[in-house]
Amino acid sequence: MDNKTNCLLLFDNDSMSAVGNGTYKIDTVSLDEAKSIIEVFADVGVCCCYSDRMIDKVLTDYLNINIDEFEYGEIFHMEPGQSAIVFKRYITPSESQPVIETAEGVQAKKIQNIYVYCEYINKLT
């Protein structure tokens, strides 16, 4: 991807510290809205700037987005006019600790609940 200024950036909790100084407009969006935004940018370019590869699973398994054409890279600041989707993890302790048997035949205990929500960020200045 030659011109990363026009591409949509995908972040997670950890990569948010790298967006840089400036003025931002941040909106909470649903997973369906995030999917629509990503699809709009697919022809322009999408750059995955997250370190948590669980986001790949969210994109492919839950949003049915083909990430084969997405570039992976580190972006240390957003340019004015650039947009990003942030996939934020929200983790809570499990109120119950059921024990299940895995496909490998070992017992596993549930210890937490993991939720994902999205924010749409536009860098203004």
N, C-alpha and C. Protein backbone atom coordinates (compact mmCIF):
# COMPACT_ATOMS: atom_id res chain seq x y z
N MET A 1 0.86 -1.17 0.00
CA MET A 1 0.00 0.00 0.00
C MET A 1 0.90 1.23 0.00
N ASP A 2 0.87 1.96 -1.09
CA ASP A 2 1.76 3.10 -1.22
C ASP A 2 1.34 4.30 -0.39
N ASN A 3 0.05 4.62 -0.38
CA ASN A 3 -0.42 5.80 0.30
C ASN A 3 -1.23 5.41 1.53
N LYS A 4 -0.57 5.33 2.67
CA LYS A 4 -1.25 4.94 3.90
C LYS A 4 -2.10 6.06 4.47
N THR A 5 -1.94 7.28 3.98
CA THR A 5 -2.72 8.40 4.49
C THR A 5 -4.20 8.22 4.23
N ASN A 6 -4.56 7.62 3.11
CA ASN A 6 -5.97 7.45 2.77
C ASN A 6 -6.56 6.15 3.28
N CYS A 7 -5.75 5.24 3.77
CA CYS A 7 -6.27 3.94 4.19
C CYS A 7 -6.93 4.03 5.56
N LEU A 8 -7.78 3.07 5.83
CA LEU A 8 -8.42 2.93 7.12
C LEU A 8 -7.47 2.14 8.03
N LEU A 9 -7.26 2.63 9.22
CA LEU A 9 -6.40 1.94 10.18
C LEU A 9 -7.28 1.14 11.14
N LEU A 10 -6.83 -0.05 11.49
CA LEU A 10 -7.52 -0.87 12.48
C LEU A 10 -6.63 -0.99 13.70
N PHE A 11 -7.17 -0.60 14.85
CA PHE A 11 -6.43 -0.60 16.10
C PHE A 11 -7.08 -1.53 17.11
N ASP A 12 -6.35 -1.81 18.19
CA ASP A 12 -6.89 -2.48 19.36
C ASP A 12 -6.53 -1.62 20.58
N ASN A 13 -6.85 -2.10 21.77
CA ASN A 13 -6.56 -1.34 22.99
C ASN A 13 -5.10 -0.92 23.05
N ASP A 14 -4.20 -1.85 22.75
CA ASP A 14 -2.76 -1.59 22.91
C ASP A 14 -2.22 -0.58 21.91
N SER A 15 -2.69 -0.61 20.69
CA SER A 15 -2.14 0.29 19.67
C SER A 15 -2.69 1.70 19.77
N MET A 16 -3.70 1.92 20.57
CA MET A 16 -4.27 3.26 20.72
C MET A 16 -3.26 4.26 21.27
N SER A 17 -2.28 3.79 22.00
CA SER A 17 -1.28 4.72 22.55
C SER A 17 -0.39 5.30 21.46
N ALA A 18 -0.49 4.75 20.25
CA ALA A 18 0.39 5.19 19.17
C ALA A 18 -0.28 6.12 18.17
N VAL A 19 -1.48 6.60 18.45
CA VAL A 19 -2.17 7.42 17.45
C VAL A 19 -1.59 8.82 17.32
N GLY A 20 -0.93 9.33 18.35
CA GLY A 20 -0.29 10.64 18.25
C GLY A 20 -1.16 11.77 18.77
N ASN A 21 -0.56 12.93 18.87
CA ASN A 21 -1.26 14.12 19.34
C ASN A 21 -2.17 14.66 18.26
N GLY A 22 -3.18 15.39 18.67
CA GLY A 22 -4.09 15.99 17.72
C GLY A 22 -5.50 16.07 18.28
N THR A 23 -6.40 16.49 17.43
CA THR A 23 -7.81 16.57 17.78
C THR A 23 -8.54 15.47 17.04
N TYR A 24 -9.36 14.73 17.77
CA TYR A 24 -10.04 13.57 17.21
C TYR A 24 -11.53 13.65 17.46
N LYS A 25 -12.30 13.10 16.54
CA LYS A 25 -13.73 12.88 16.74
C LYS A 25 -13.90 11.38 16.90
N ILE A 26 -14.49 10.97 18.01
CA ILE A 26 -14.63 9.55 18.31
C ILE A 26 -16.10 9.22 18.49
N ASP A 27 -16.56 8.21 17.76
CA ASP A 27 -17.95 7.75 17.85
C ASP A 27 -17.95 6.26 18.14
N THR A 28 -18.81 5.85 19.05
CA THR A 28 -19.02 4.42 19.28
C THR A 28 -19.87 3.89 18.13
N VAL A 29 -19.46 2.76 17.56
CA VAL A 29 -20.21 2.15 16.46
C VAL A 29 -20.45 0.68 16.79
N SER A 30 -21.52 0.14 16.22
CA SER A 30 -21.81 -1.28 16.41
C SER A 30 -20.85 -2.11 15.55
N LEU A 31 -20.80 -3.39 15.81
CA LEU A 31 -19.97 -4.27 14.99
C LEU A 31 -20.43 -4.24 13.53
N ASP A 32 -21.75 -4.18 13.31
CA ASP A 32 -22.26 -4.10 11.94
C ASP A 32 -21.84 -2.81 11.25
N GLU A 33 -21.87 -1.69 11.99
CA GLU A 33 -21.42 -0.42 11.42
C GLU A 33 -19.93 -0.47 11.12
N ALA A 34 -19.14 -1.08 12.02
CA ALA A 34 -17.70 -1.22 11.78
C ALA A 34 -17.46 -2.03 10.51
N LYS A 35 -18.22 -3.10 10.34
CA LYS A 35 -18.08 -3.93 9.14
C LYS A 35 -18.36 -3.10 7.89
N SER A 36 -19.42 -2.30 7.90
CA SER A 36 -19.77 -1.47 6.74
C SER A 36 -18.67 -0.47 6.42
N ILE A 37 -18.09 0.14 7.45
CA ILE A 37 -17.01 1.12 7.24
C ILE A 37 -15.80 0.43 6.64
N ILE A 38 -15.45 -0.74 7.17
CA ILE A 38 -14.30 -1.48 6.64
C ILE A 38 -14.53 -1.85 5.18
N GLU A 39 -15.74 -2.28 4.85
CA GLU A 39 -16.05 -2.65 3.47
C GLU A 39 -15.95 -1.45 2.53
N VAL A 40 -16.34 -0.26 2.99
CA VAL A 40 -16.23 0.95 2.17
C VAL A 40 -14.76 1.24 1.86
N PHE A 41 -13.88 1.02 2.84
CA PHE A 41 -12.46 1.32 2.67
C PHE A 41 -11.67 0.20 1.99
N ALA A 42 -12.29 -0.95 1.76
CA ALA A 42 -11.57 -2.11 1.23
C ALA A 42 -10.84 -1.79 -0.07
N ASP A 43 -11.44 -0.99 -0.96
CA ASP A 43 -10.79 -0.65 -2.23
C ASP A 43 -9.67 0.37 -2.05
N VAL A 44 -9.80 1.24 -1.07
CA VAL A 44 -8.79 2.27 -0.82
C VAL A 44 -7.59 1.67 -0.08
N GLY A 45 -7.89 0.82 0.88
CA GLY A 45 -6.84 0.17 1.66
C GLY A 45 -7.17 0.12 3.13
N VAL A 46 -6.82 -0.98 3.75
CA VAL A 46 -7.02 -1.17 5.19
C VAL A 46 -5.69 -1.67 5.75
N CYS A 47 -5.23 -1.03 6.80
CA CYS A 47 -3.96 -1.40 7.43
C CYS A 47 -4.24 -1.83 8.88
N CYS A 48 -3.88 -3.05 9.20
CA CYS A 48 -4.07 -3.60 10.54
C CYS A 48 -2.88 -3.20 11.41
N CYS A 49 -3.14 -2.38 12.40
CA CYS A 49 -2.08 -1.86 13.26
C CYS A 49 -2.20 -2.39 14.69
N TYR A 50 -2.88 -3.51 14.84
CA TYR A 50 -3.10 -4.06 16.17
C TYR A 50 -2.10 -5.17 16.47
N SER A 51 -1.86 -5.37 17.77
CA SER A 51 -0.95 -6.43 18.18
C SER A 51 -1.71 -7.67 18.62
N ASP A 52 -2.96 -7.53 18.98
CA ASP A 52 -3.77 -8.65 19.45
C ASP A 52 -4.36 -9.37 18.24
N ARG A 53 -3.79 -10.51 17.88
CA ARG A 53 -4.25 -11.23 16.68
C ARG A 53 -5.64 -11.82 16.86
N MET A 54 -6.23 -11.72 18.06
CA MET A 54 -7.62 -12.12 18.25
C MET A 54 -8.53 -11.27 17.36
N ILE A 55 -8.09 -10.08 17.03
CA ILE A 55 -8.90 -9.21 16.17
C ILE A 55 -9.07 -9.84 14.79
N ASP A 56 -8.07 -10.58 14.31
CA ASP A 56 -8.23 -11.31 13.04
C ASP A 56 -9.45 -12.22 13.11
N LYS A 57 -9.61 -12.92 14.22
CA LYS A 57 -10.74 -13.83 14.40
C LYS A 57 -12.06 -13.07 14.45
N VAL A 58 -12.07 -11.92 15.11
CA VAL A 58 -13.28 -11.09 15.14
C VAL A 58 -13.66 -10.69 13.72
N LEU A 59 -12.68 -10.24 12.94
CA LEU A 59 -12.95 -9.79 11.57
C LEU A 59 -13.43 -10.94 10.69
N THR A 60 -12.77 -12.07 10.76
CA THR A 60 -13.10 -13.17 9.85
C THR A 60 -14.31 -13.98 10.32
N ASP A 61 -14.32 -14.38 11.59
CA ASP A 61 -15.36 -15.29 12.08
C ASP A 61 -16.66 -14.59 12.46
N TYR A 62 -16.58 -13.38 12.97
CA TYR A 62 -17.79 -12.71 13.45
C TYR A 62 -18.32 -11.65 12.49
N LEU A 63 -17.42 -11.03 11.73
CA LEU A 63 -17.86 -10.00 10.78
C LEU A 63 -17.83 -10.49 9.33
N ASN A 64 -17.31 -11.69 9.11
CA ASN A 64 -17.23 -12.28 7.76
C ASN A 64 -16.51 -11.36 6.78
N ILE A 65 -15.39 -10.80 7.22
CA ILE A 65 -14.57 -9.93 6.37
C ILE A 65 -13.34 -10.71 5.93
N ASN A 66 -13.06 -10.66 4.65
CA ASN A 66 -11.86 -11.30 4.12
C ASN A 66 -10.68 -10.36 4.34
N ILE A 67 -9.76 -10.78 5.18
CA ILE A 67 -8.63 -9.91 5.54
C ILE A 67 -7.38 -10.20 4.70
N ASP A 68 -7.50 -11.05 3.69
CA ASP A 68 -6.33 -11.43 2.89
C ASP A 68 -5.65 -10.25 2.21
N GLU A 69 -6.40 -9.23 1.84
CA GLU A 69 -5.84 -8.07 1.14
C GLU A 69 -5.38 -6.96 2.10
N PHE A 70 -5.60 -7.13 3.39
CA PHE A 70 -5.23 -6.10 4.35
C PHE A 70 -3.73 -6.16 4.61
N GLU A 71 -3.14 -5.00 4.77
CA GLU A 71 -1.72 -4.91 5.10
C GLU A 71 -1.58 -4.87 6.62
N TYR A 72 -0.51 -5.43 7.13
CA TYR A 72 -0.19 -5.35 8.56
C TYR A 72 1.01 -4.45 8.71
N GLY A 73 0.92 -3.54 9.67
CA GLY A 73 2.04 -2.63 9.86
C GLY A 73 1.89 -1.85 11.14
N GLU A 74 2.91 -1.10 11.44
CA GLU A 74 2.89 -0.23 12.61
C GLU A 74 2.72 1.20 12.14
N ILE A 75 1.70 1.85 12.65
CA ILE A 75 1.47 3.27 12.36
C ILE A 75 1.61 4.00 13.69
N PHE A 76 2.52 4.94 13.77
CA PHE A 76 2.75 5.60 15.04
C PHE A 76 2.01 6.92 15.17
N HIS A 77 1.39 7.36 14.11
CA HIS A 77 0.52 8.53 14.22
C HIS A 77 -0.43 8.53 13.04
N MET A 78 -1.60 9.09 13.29
CA MET A 78 -2.58 9.24 12.22
C MET A 78 -2.39 10.61 11.59
N GLU A 79 -2.70 10.70 10.33
CA GLU A 79 -2.64 11.97 9.62
C GLU A 79 -4.00 12.67 9.72
N PRO A 80 -4.03 14.02 9.72
CA PRO A 80 -5.32 14.71 9.69
C PRO A 80 -6.15 14.23 8.50
N GLY A 81 -7.43 13.96 8.76
CA GLY A 81 -8.33 13.45 7.75
C GLY A 81 -8.38 11.94 7.69
N GLN A 82 -7.50 11.27 8.40
CA GLN A 82 -7.46 9.81 8.37
C GLN A 82 -8.43 9.24 9.40
N SER A 83 -8.92 8.03 9.11
CA SER A 83 -9.89 7.36 9.97
C SER A 83 -9.36 6.03 10.47
N ALA A 84 -9.94 5.58 11.57
CA ALA A 84 -9.56 4.29 12.15
C ALA A 84 -10.76 3.66 12.84
N ILE A 85 -10.75 2.35 12.87
CA ILE A 85 -11.70 1.59 13.69
C ILE A 85 -10.87 0.98 14.82
N VAL A 86 -11.35 1.15 16.04
CA VAL A 86 -10.68 0.56 17.19
C VAL A 86 -11.54 -0.57 17.72
N PHE A 87 -10.97 -1.75 17.81
CA PHE A 87 -11.64 -2.90 18.41
C PHE A 87 -11.15 -2.98 19.85
N LYS A 88 -12.02 -2.64 20.78
CA LYS A 88 -11.63 -2.60 22.18
C LYS A 88 -12.16 -3.83 22.91
N ARG A 89 -11.26 -4.44 23.68
CA ARG A 89 -11.65 -5.57 24.51
C ARG A 89 -12.15 -5.06 25.86
N TYR A 90 -13.23 -5.66 26.30
CA TYR A 90 -13.78 -5.37 27.61
C TYR A 90 -13.87 -6.71 28.32
N ILE A 91 -13.06 -6.90 29.35
CA ILE A 91 -12.94 -8.19 30.00
C ILE A 91 -13.49 -8.10 31.42
N THR A 92 -14.36 -9.04 31.75
CA THR A 92 -14.91 -9.11 33.10
C THR A 92 -14.64 -10.51 33.66
N PRO A 93 -14.54 -10.61 34.99
CA PRO A 93 -14.40 -11.95 35.57
C PRO A 93 -15.69 -12.73 35.35
N SER A 94 -15.55 -14.02 35.24
CA SER A 94 -16.73 -14.87 35.07
C SER A 94 -17.44 -15.02 36.41
N GLU A 95 -18.76 -14.84 36.39
CA GLU A 95 -19.52 -15.02 37.63
C GLU A 95 -19.70 -16.50 37.95
N SER A 96 -19.59 -17.32 36.94
CA SER A 96 -19.63 -18.77 37.16
C SER A 96 -18.37 -19.36 36.55
N GLN A 97 -17.93 -20.44 37.07
CA GLN A 97 -16.71 -21.06 36.58
C GLN A 97 -17.00 -22.50 36.13
N PRO A 98 -17.80 -22.64 35.06
CA PRO A 98 -18.07 -24.01 34.60
C PRO A 98 -16.80 -24.66 34.07
N VAL A 99 -16.75 -25.96 34.19
CA VAL A 99 -15.63 -26.74 33.68
C VAL A 99 -16.14 -27.50 32.46
N ILE A 100 -15.39 -27.41 31.36
CA ILE A 100 -15.76 -28.13 30.14
C ILE A 100 -14.62 -29.05 29.75
N GLU A 101 -14.92 -29.97 28.87
CA GLU A 101 -13.88 -30.81 28.31
C GLU A 101 -13.58 -30.31 26.91
N THR A 102 -12.30 -30.06 26.63
CA THR A 102 -11.90 -29.55 25.32
C THR A 102 -11.84 -30.68 24.30
N ALA A 103 -11.64 -30.30 23.03
CA ALA A 103 -11.52 -31.29 21.96
C ALA A 103 -10.32 -32.21 22.19
N GLU A 104 -9.33 -31.72 22.94
CA GLU A 104 -8.15 -32.53 23.24
C GLU A 104 -8.36 -33.46 24.42
N GLY A 105 -9.54 -33.38 25.05
CA GLY A 105 -9.85 -34.26 26.17
C GLY A 105 -9.38 -33.79 27.52
N VAL A 106 -9.01 -32.52 27.64
CA VAL A 106 -8.59 -31.98 28.94
C VAL A 106 -9.68 -31.07 29.47
N GLN A 107 -9.68 -30.87 30.78
CA GLN A 107 -10.68 -30.00 31.38
C GLN A 107 -10.18 -28.56 31.38
N ALA A 108 -11.08 -27.66 31.09
CA ALA A 108 -10.77 -26.23 31.09
C ALA A 108 -11.84 -25.51 31.91
N LYS A 109 -11.41 -24.50 32.67
CA LYS A 109 -12.31 -23.75 33.53
C LYS A 109 -12.46 -22.33 33.01
N LYS A 110 -13.68 -21.87 32.91
CA LYS A 110 -13.96 -20.51 32.47
C LYS A 110 -13.57 -19.54 33.59
N ILE A 111 -12.75 -18.54 33.25
CA ILE A 111 -12.31 -17.59 34.27
C ILE A 111 -12.69 -16.15 33.96
N GLN A 112 -13.04 -15.87 32.70
CA GLN A 112 -13.41 -14.50 32.36
C GLN A 112 -14.30 -14.47 31.13
N ASN A 113 -14.96 -13.34 30.96
CA ASN A 113 -15.78 -13.07 29.78
C ASN A 113 -15.07 -12.00 28.97
N ILE A 114 -14.99 -12.19 27.67
CA ILE A 114 -14.34 -11.21 26.80
C ILE A 114 -15.39 -10.65 25.84
N TYR A 115 -15.51 -9.34 25.83
CA TYR A 115 -16.43 -8.63 24.95
C TYR A 115 -15.61 -7.73 24.03
N VAL A 116 -16.16 -7.44 22.88
CA VAL A 116 -15.50 -6.52 21.94
C VAL A 116 -16.49 -5.45 21.55
N TYR A 117 -16.04 -4.19 21.58
CA TYR A 117 -16.85 -3.10 21.06
C TYR A 117 -15.97 -2.22 20.19
N CYS A 118 -16.59 -1.37 19.41
CA CYS A 118 -15.84 -0.60 18.41
C CYS A 118 -16.03 0.90 18.57
N GLU A 119 -14.99 1.63 18.19
CA GLU A 119 -15.05 3.08 18.08
C GLU A 119 -14.54 3.47 16.70
N TYR A 120 -15.14 4.50 16.13
CA TYR A 120 -14.71 5.04 14.85
C TYR A 120 -14.05 6.37 15.13
N ILE A 121 -12.79 6.50 14.73
CA ILE A 121 -12.01 7.70 15.04
C ILE A 121 -11.66 8.44 13.76
N ASN A 122 -11.84 9.73 13.78
CA ASN A 122 -11.39 10.60 12.69
C ASN A 122 -10.44 11.62 13.28
N LYS A 123 -9.24 11.73 12.69
CA LYS A 123 -8.28 12.74 13.16
C LYS A 123 -8.58 14.03 12.44
N LEU A 124 -8.89 15.06 13.21
CA LEU A 124 -9.25 16.36 12.65
C LEU A 124 -8.03 17.24 12.41
N THR A 125 -7.13 17.28 13.41
CA THR A 125 -5.91 18.09 13.27
C THR A 125 -4.72 17.36 13.83
